[in-house]
């Protein structure tokens, strides 16, 4: 698994695909309304961590970082409910989280 080391911690690199929610407030015909679909979005980055809240599991990612005076800052951050990920990305995420767990044990 590819990873980066930031501040003495290793973060696995992932390509996550997920379904985005879209909306449109304009009046449309029935035909046009049936054409409204959830696009698949790609997120490239590194897994920061995962957590559970209210029975839902979430994952946090980042794509940029800086180390200044031994302080680490993260940027281009996202937080996803795992339920929006497509199945292949859920598998990749599972491998990445296992990598992180084994790396910290």
C-alpha atoms as a PDB file:
ATOM      1  CA  UNK A   1       0.000   0.000   0.000  1.00  0.00           C
ATOM      2  CA  UNK A   2       1.297   3.443  -0.882  1.00  0.00           C
ATOM      3  CA  UNK A   3       1.553   5.862   2.018  1.00  0.00           C
ATOM      4  CA  UNK A   4       3.210   9.048   3.189  1.00  0.00           C
ATOM      5  CA  UNK A   5       4.865   9.728   6.509  1.00  0.00           C
ATOM      6  CA  UNK A   6       3.853  12.976   8.179  1.00  0.00           C
ATOM      7  CA  UNK A   7       4.895  13.812  11.718  1.00  0.00           C
ATOM      8  CA  UNK A   8       6.074  10.240  12.413  1.00  0.00           C
ATOM      9  CA  UNK A   9       2.722   8.733  11.329  1.00  0.00           C
ATOM     10  CA  UNK A  10       1.979   6.852   8.133  1.00  0.00           C
ATOM     11  CA  UNK A  11      -1.135   7.713   6.141  1.00  0.00           C
ATOM     12  CA  UNK A  12      -2.319   5.398   3.333  1.00  0.00           C
ATOM     13  CA  UNK A  13      -3.065   6.829  -0.100  1.00  0.00           C
ATOM     14  CA  UNK A  14      -6.521   6.097  -1.511  1.00  0.00           C
ATOM     15  CA  UNK A  15      -8.712   6.812  -4.518  1.00  0.00           C
ATOM     16  CA  UNK A  16     -12.263   6.938  -3.238  1.00  0.00           C
ATOM     17  CA  UNK A  17     -15.326   7.052  -5.463  1.00  0.00           C
ATOM     18  CA  UNK A  18     -18.597   8.174  -3.968  1.00  0.00           C
ATOM     19  CA  UNK A  19     -22.101   9.193  -4.938  1.00  0.00           C
ATOM     20  CA  UNK A  20     -22.806  12.902  -4.613  1.00  0.00           C
ATOM     21  CA  UNK A  21     -26.195  14.390  -3.871  1.00  0.00           C
ATOM     22  CA  UNK A  22     -27.380  16.880  -6.478  1.00  0.00           C
ATOM     23  CA  UNK A  23     -30.305  19.241  -6.478  1.00  0.00           C
ATOM     24  CA  UNK A  24     -32.051  21.548  -8.889  1.00  0.00           C
ATOM     25  CA  UNK A  25     -34.670  24.092  -7.885  1.00  0.00           C
ATOM     26  CA  UNK A  26     -35.733  24.925 -11.455  1.00  0.00           C
ATOM     27  CA  UNK A  27     -39.035  23.684 -12.838  1.00  0.00           C
ATOM     28  CA  UNK A  28     -38.431  20.779 -15.232  1.00  0.00           C
ATOM     29  CA  UNK A  29     -40.523  18.378 -17.278  1.00  0.00           C
ATOM     30  CA  UNK A  30     -41.008  14.760 -16.231  1.00  0.00           C
ATOM     31  CA  UNK A  31     -38.475  13.692 -18.859  1.00  0.00           C
ATOM     32  CA  UNK A  32     -35.872  16.181 -17.618  1.00  0.00           C
ATOM     33  CA  UNK A  33     -36.587  15.222 -14.004  1.00  0.00           C
ATOM     34  CA  UNK A  34     -35.765  11.570 -14.772  1.00  0.00           C
ATOM     35  CA  UNK A  35     -32.367  12.683 -16.079  1.00  0.00           C
ATOM     36  CA  UNK A  36     -31.299  14.014 -12.673  1.00  0.00           C
ATOM     37  CA  UNK A  37     -28.886  11.434 -11.251  1.00  0.00           C
ATOM     38  CA  UNK A  38     -26.225  11.278  -8.563  1.00  0.00           C
ATOM     39  CA  UNK A  39     -22.782  11.595 -10.169  1.00  0.00           C
ATOM     40  CA  UNK A  40     -19.835   9.473  -9.092  1.00  0.00           C
ATOM     41  CA  UNK A  41     -17.104  11.710  -7.659  1.00  0.00           C
ATOM     42  CA  UNK A  42     -13.421  10.812  -7.261  1.00  0.00           C
ATOM     43  CA  UNK A  43     -11.403  11.887  -4.238  1.00  0.00           C
ATOM     44  CA  UNK A  44      -7.645  11.299  -4.285  1.00  0.00           C
ATOM     45  CA  UNK A  45      -5.800  11.665  -1.027  1.00  0.00           C
ATOM     46  CA  UNK A  46      -4.798  10.094   2.246  1.00  0.00           C
ATOM     47  CA  UNK A  47      -6.825   8.599   5.069  1.00  0.00           C
ATOM     48  CA  UNK A  48      -6.574  10.687   8.225  1.00  0.00           C
ATOM     49  CA  UNK A  49      -8.866   8.520  10.364  1.00  0.00           C
ATOM     50  CA  UNK A  50     -12.352   7.103  10.738  1.00  0.00           C
ATOM     51  CA  UNK A  51     -14.943   7.449  13.469  1.00  0.00           C
ATOM     52  CA  UNK A  52     -18.508   6.534  14.369  1.00  0.00           C
ATOM     53  CA  UNK A  53     -21.282   8.928  15.266  1.00  0.00           C
ATOM     54  CA  UNK A  54     -24.990   8.210  15.701  1.00  0.00           C
ATOM     55  CA  UNK A  55     -24.563   4.691  14.315  1.00  0.00           C
ATOM     56  CA  UNK A  56     -22.874   5.885  11.102  1.00  0.00           C
ATOM     57  CA  UNK A  57     -19.196   5.350  10.227  1.00  0.00           C
ATOM     58  CA  UNK A  58     -17.275   8.245   8.694  1.00  0.00           C
ATOM     59  CA  UNK A  59     -13.835   8.616   7.144  1.00  0.00           C
ATOM     60  CA  UNK A  60     -11.686  11.751   7.081  1.00  0.00           C
ATOM     61  CA  UNK A  61      -9.256  12.396   4.236  1.00  0.00           C
ATOM     62  CA  UNK A  62      -6.681  15.050   3.347  1.00  0.00           C
ATOM     63  CA  UNK A  63      -4.627  15.842   0.263  1.00  0.00           C
ATOM     64  CA  UNK A  64      -2.156  18.493   1.399  1.00  0.00           C
ATOM     65  CA  UNK A  65      -0.104  19.035   4.524  1.00  0.00           C
ATOM     66  CA  UNK A  66       2.643  21.179   5.989  1.00  0.00           C
ATOM     67  CA  UNK A  67       5.191  20.598   8.731  1.00  0.00           C
ATOM     68  CA  UNK A  68       6.360  23.855  10.291  1.00  0.00           C
ATOM     69  CA  UNK A  69       8.369  23.913  13.517  1.00  0.00           C
ATOM     70  CA  UNK A  70       7.396  20.278  14.203  1.00  0.00           C
ATOM     71  CA  UNK A  71       3.691  21.204  13.978  1.00  0.00           C
ATOM     72  CA  UNK A  72       1.636  19.385  11.326  1.00  0.00           C
ATOM     73  CA  UNK A  73      -1.281  21.017   9.504  1.00  0.00           C
ATOM     74  CA  UNK A  74      -3.617  19.266   7.052  1.00  0.00           C
ATOM     75  CA  UNK A  75      -5.507  20.770   4.112  1.00  0.00           C
ATOM     76  CA  UNK A  76      -7.925  19.833   1.348  1.00  0.00           C
ATOM     77  CA  UNK A  77      -9.863  17.830   3.927  1.00  0.00           C
ATOM     78  CA  UNK A  78     -13.081  15.862   3.514  1.00  0.00           C
ATOM     79  CA  UNK A  79     -15.338  13.888   5.810  1.00  0.00           C
ATOM     80  CA  UNK A  80     -17.548  11.211   4.217  1.00  0.00           C
ATOM     81  CA  UNK A  81     -20.176   8.873   5.574  1.00  0.00           C
ATOM     82  CA  UNK A  82     -18.896   5.493   4.393  1.00  0.00           C
ATOM     83  CA  UNK A  83     -22.388   4.698   3.118  1.00  0.00           C
ATOM     84  CA  UNK A  84     -21.902   7.025   0.102  1.00  0.00           C
ATOM     85  CA  UNK A  85     -18.806   5.147  -1.121  1.00  0.00           C
ATOM     86  CA  UNK A  86     -19.215   2.688  -3.980  1.00  0.00           C
ATOM     87  CA  UNK A  87     -18.372  -0.933  -3.131  1.00  0.00           C
ATOM     88  CA  UNK A  88     -14.852  -0.956  -4.649  1.00  0.00           C
ATOM     89  CA  UNK A  89     -13.952   2.116  -2.601  1.00  0.00           C
ATOM     90  CA  UNK A  90     -15.353   0.530   0.546  1.00  0.00           C
ATOM     91  CA  UNK A  91     -12.985  -2.398  -0.063  1.00  0.00           C
ATOM     92  CA  UNK A  92     -10.030  -0.059  -0.614  1.00  0.00           C
ATOM     93  CA  UNK A  93     -10.928   1.904   2.508  1.00  0.00           C
ATOM     94  CA  UNK A  94     -11.136  -1.290   4.557  1.00  0.00           C
ATOM     95  CA  UNK A  95      -7.600  -2.237   3.459  1.00  0.00           C
ATOM     96  CA  UNK A  96      -6.329   1.270   4.261  1.00  0.00           C
ATOM     97  CA  UNK A  97      -7.889   1.271   7.729  1.00  0.00           C
ATOM     98  CA  UNK A  98      -6.415  -2.174   8.424  1.00  0.00           C
ATOM     99  CA  UNK A  99      -3.007  -0.843   7.330  1.00  0.00           C
ATOM    100  CA  UNK A 100      -3.381   2.054   9.778  1.00  0.00           C
ATOM    101  CA  UNK A 101      -4.462  -0.226  12.619  1.00  0.00           C
ATOM    102  CA  UNK A 102      -1.564  -2.639  12.064  1.00  0.00           C
ATOM    103  CA  UNK A 103       0.849   0.277  11.714  1.00  0.00           C
ATOM    104  CA  UNK A 104      -0.142   1.636  15.133  1.00  0.00           C
ATOM    105  CA  UNK A 105      -0.162  -1.713  16.965  1.00  0.00           C
END
